[in-house]
Amino acid sequence: MPYRNRIKTLEESYRLVEIQIKILEESTDPDKEKLKKLQEAKNKYHKELSVMRKAQYDYYQQVDFGDDR
């Protein structure tokens, strides 16, 4: 559970950046520099999200729930 809030935050940030990228790409004159920065931010969120999901998975593998899950 310690990773749940961070993962939700990252998922929301990733979603918002995707929306911004889509809007910028659909514009008539997209700002290439801003688009590049948004793509870099999207990649950063994706990498961090992967790390957090793996950490959460590892955490749950170590936790003894005390029942037969």
Protein backbone atom coordinates (compact mmCIF):
# COMPACT_ATOMS: atom_id res chain seq x y z
CA MET A 1 0.00 0.00 0.00
CA PRO A 2 2.84 2.46 0.45
CA TYR A 3 3.16 2.89 -3.31
CA ARG A 4 -0.52 3.26 -4.21
CA ASN A 5 -0.77 7.08 -3.88
CA ARG A 6 2.44 7.71 -5.81
CA ILE A 7 1.33 5.37 -8.59
CA LYS A 8 -2.04 7.13 -8.83
CA THR A 9 -0.31 10.52 -9.00
CA LEU A 10 2.04 9.32 -11.73
CA GLU A 11 -0.81 7.79 -13.73
CA GLU A 12 -2.73 11.06 -13.58
CA SER A 13 0.33 13.09 -14.57
CA TYR A 14 1.02 10.72 -17.46
CA ARG A 15 -2.60 11.00 -18.63
CA LEU A 16 -2.53 14.81 -18.49
CA VAL A 17 0.73 15.00 -20.45
CA GLU A 18 -0.71 12.68 -23.09
CA ILE A 19 -3.71 14.99 -23.45
CA GLN A 20 -1.44 18.03 -23.78
CA ILE A 21 0.66 16.27 -26.41
CA LYS A 22 -2.43 15.27 -28.39
CA ILE A 23 -3.80 18.83 -28.32
CA LEU A 24 -0.44 20.27 -29.36
CA GLU A 25 -0.02 17.76 -32.20
CA GLU A 26 -3.50 18.54 -33.50
CA SER A 27 -2.88 22.28 -33.54
CA THR A 28 -2.18 23.97 -36.85
CA ASP A 29 1.29 25.17 -35.85
CA PRO A 30 2.69 22.92 -33.08
CA ASP A 31 5.57 24.25 -31.01
CA LYS A 32 8.30 21.66 -31.61
CA GLU A 33 10.28 22.61 -28.51
CA LYS A 34 7.28 22.36 -26.20
CA LEU A 35 6.29 19.07 -27.84
CA LYS A 36 9.78 17.70 -27.24
CA LYS A 37 9.67 18.71 -23.56
CA LEU A 38 6.25 17.10 -23.12
CA GLN A 39 7.49 13.89 -24.74
CA GLU A 40 10.46 13.85 -22.36
CA ALA A 41 8.13 14.39 -19.40
CA LYS A 42 5.88 11.58 -20.62
CA ASN A 43 8.88 9.24 -20.88
CA LYS A 44 10.03 10.25 -17.39
CA TYR A 45 6.59 9.53 -15.91
CA HIS A 46 6.45 6.20 -17.72
CA LYS A 47 9.85 5.12 -16.37
CA GLU A 48 9.04 6.20 -12.83
CA LEU A 49 5.65 4.48 -13.04
CA SER A 50 7.37 1.25 -14.07
CA VAL A 51 9.77 1.52 -11.14
CA MET A 52 6.95 2.18 -8.66
CA ARG A 53 4.85 -0.71 -9.96
CA LYS A 54 7.82 -3.06 -9.67
CA ALA A 55 8.55 -1.79 -6.16
CA GLN A 56 4.93 -2.34 -5.20
CA TYR A 57 5.02 -5.86 -6.65
CA ASP A 58 8.24 -6.64 -4.75
CA TYR A 59 6.74 -5.23 -1.56
CA TYR A 60 3.69 -7.47 -1.84
CA GLN A 61 5.92 -10.48 -2.49
CA GLN A 62 7.71 -9.83 0.83
CA VAL A 63 4.63 -9.13 2.93
CA ASP A 64 3.17 -12.04 4.86
CA PHE A 65 -0.57 -11.48 4.87
CA GLY A 66 -1.14 -14.27 7.38
CA ASP A 67 -3.80 -15.97 5.31
CA ASP A 68 -4.03 -18.22 2.27
CA ARG A 69 -4.23 -15.66 -0.51
